[in-house]
C-alpha cells in the first residue's frame, strides 16, 4: 500500500466528516465490525482511497476498524472518521461486536494480529 504513504490522514475522509458511530455513545471504536453495502458499480464511482476500505470490508464477517487501520497504516482516529463518512454515504454498515459480557476472542486475535503488522 505504498501509494498512500505521505498522504495526510484527513484527506482520506473528504472535506466533511460525519458524526455517526457504532457504539452506544455514538463512537466508532476499534472493535466495530464494518461491512460493505454498496454495489460494485457504486464502489467504482468513489475515490480510490475509499475503494481500498470498501474492498477490505467486502466480506460476510466484516472487518474490524482496527484491522482496517493496520492495513492502511493509519491511526484509529482518522480511520474511524473515514468509516463514519462511508457510513453516512451508505457505503458501509457497522455492528458493535463486544457487549458488556460478550467477548469475541477470534475478533480480538484478529485485531491484535492487525496491530502487530503496524
Protein backbone atom coordinates (compact mmCIF):
# COMPACT_ATOMS: atom_id res chain seq x y z
CA UNK A 1 0.00 0.00 0.00
CA UNK A 2 2.84 2.36 -0.75
CA UNK A 3 0.58 4.55 -2.89
CA UNK A 4 -0.91 6.31 0.12
CA UNK A 5 2.23 6.87 2.18
CA UNK A 6 2.82 10.53 2.83
CA UNK A 7 -0.86 11.42 2.38
CA UNK A 8 -2.28 13.38 5.28
CA UNK A 9 -4.87 11.27 7.14
CA UNK A 10 -7.62 13.88 6.85
CA UNK A 11 -7.51 13.63 3.05
CA UNK A 12 -8.89 10.09 3.33
CA UNK A 13 -12.12 11.37 4.88
CA UNK A 14 -13.18 14.04 2.36
CA UNK A 15 -13.73 17.67 3.26
CA UNK A 16 -16.63 16.91 5.58
CA UNK A 17 -16.57 14.49 8.49
CA UNK A 18 -19.72 12.74 9.63
CA UNK A 19 -20.78 12.39 13.22
CA UNK A 20 -22.07 8.86 13.33
CA UNK A 21 -20.95 5.77 15.12
CA UNK A 22 -21.26 2.21 16.23
CA UNK A 23 -21.32 2.01 19.99
CA UNK A 24 -23.97 3.32 22.37
CA UNK A 25 -22.20 6.66 22.78
CA UNK A 26 -22.08 7.26 19.03
CA UNK A 27 -18.39 6.44 18.51
CA UNK A 28 -16.88 4.04 16.06
CA UNK A 29 -14.42 2.03 18.13
CA UNK A 30 -11.60 -0.31 17.19
CA UNK A 31 -13.65 -3.50 17.58
CA UNK A 32 -16.58 -2.24 15.48
CA UNK A 33 -17.18 -4.56 12.53
CA UNK A 34 -17.59 -2.85 9.17
CA UNK A 35 -19.28 -4.39 6.11
CA UNK A 36 -19.56 -3.01 2.59
CA UNK A 37 -23.16 -2.48 1.47
CA UNK A 38 -22.63 -0.67 -1.83
CA UNK A 39 -22.94 -2.48 -5.16
CA UNK A 40 -19.82 -2.81 -7.32
CA UNK A 41 -20.81 -0.03 -9.72
CA UNK A 42 -21.22 2.43 -6.85
CA UNK A 43 -17.88 1.39 -5.33
CA UNK A 44 -16.19 2.13 -8.64
CA UNK A 45 -17.51 5.72 -8.53
CA UNK A 46 -15.91 6.70 -5.19
CA UNK A 47 -12.32 7.87 -4.64
CA UNK A 48 -9.69 5.14 -4.94
CA UNK A 49 -8.68 5.57 -1.30
CA UNK A 50 -12.22 4.75 -0.22
CA UNK A 51 -12.35 1.79 -2.58
CA UNK A 52 -9.49 0.22 -0.62
CA UNK A 53 -11.58 0.30 2.55
CA UNK A 54 -14.68 -0.96 0.77
CA UNK A 55 -12.73 -3.91 -0.66
CA UNK A 56 -11.39 -4.76 2.81
CA UNK A 57 -14.90 -4.66 4.28
CA UNK A 58 -16.42 -6.72 1.48
CA UNK A 59 -16.66 -9.99 3.41
CA UNK A 60 -19.55 -11.72 5.18
CA UNK A 61 -17.98 -11.41 8.62
CA UNK A 62 -16.94 -7.79 8.15
CA UNK A 63 -13.64 -6.35 9.30
CA UNK A 64 -12.77 -4.52 12.50
CA UNK A 65 -11.85 -0.84 12.36
CA UNK A 66 -8.51 -1.74 13.96
CA UNK A 67 -7.78 -4.17 11.13
CA UNK A 68 -8.57 -1.53 8.52
CA UNK A 69 -6.28 0.91 10.31
CA UNK A 70 -3.47 -1.66 10.37
CA UNK A 71 -3.76 -2.48 6.67
CA UNK A 72 -3.94 1.19 5.65
CA UNK A 73 -1.25 2.16 8.16
CA UNK A 74 -3.48 4.87 9.61
CA UNK A 75 -4.17 5.71 13.23
CA UNK A 76 -7.55 4.75 14.69
CA UNK A 77 -8.93 8.30 14.83
CA UNK A 78 -8.67 9.09 11.10
CA UNK A 79 -9.76 5.54 10.28
CA UNK A 80 -12.87 5.96 12.45
CA UNK A 81 -13.59 9.30 10.76
CA UNK A 82 -13.25 7.67 7.35
CA UNK A 83 -15.62 4.85 8.34
CA UNK A 84 -18.13 7.39 9.67
CA UNK A 85 -18.02 9.22 6.34
CA UNK A 86 -18.50 5.98 4.39
CA UNK A 87 -21.42 5.08 6.64
CA UNK A 88 -23.04 8.49 6.09
CA UNK A 89 -22.80 7.91 2.35
CA UNK A 90 -24.44 4.48 2.86
CA UNK A 91 -21.43 2.57 1.54
CA UNK A 92 -20.89 0.52 4.71
CA UNK A 93 -22.77 -0.69 7.75
CA UNK A 94 -21.44 -1.40 11.19
CA UNK A 95 -22.00 -3.82 14.01
CA UNK A 96 -20.71 -3.32 17.51
CA UNK A 97 -19.35 -6.71 18.49
CA UNK A 98 -18.35 -6.50 22.11
CA UNK A 99 -21.01 -6.06 24.74
CA UNK A 100 -20.54 -5.91 28.48
CA UNK A 101 -20.44 -9.70 28.81
CA UNK A 102 -19.69 -10.96 25.31
CA UNK A 103 -16.02 -11.20 24.33
CA UNK A 104 -15.22 -12.48 20.86
CA UNK A 105 -11.72 -13.89 21.19
CA UNK A 106 -11.41 -14.51 17.45
CA UNK A 107 -12.04 -10.82 16.79
CA UNK A 108 -9.59 -9.79 19.49
CA UNK A 109 -6.92 -12.04 17.97
CA UNK A 110 -7.55 -10.55 14.52
CA UNK A 111 -7.23 -7.04 15.96
CA UNK A 112 -4.03 -7.97 17.77
CA UNK A 113 -2.54 -9.54 14.66
CA UNK A 114 -3.51 -6.49 12.59
CA UNK A 115 -1.93 -4.13 15.09
CA UNK A 116 1.25 -6.19 15.11
CA UNK A 117 1.54 -5.51 11.37
CA UNK A 118 1.90 -1.77 12.02
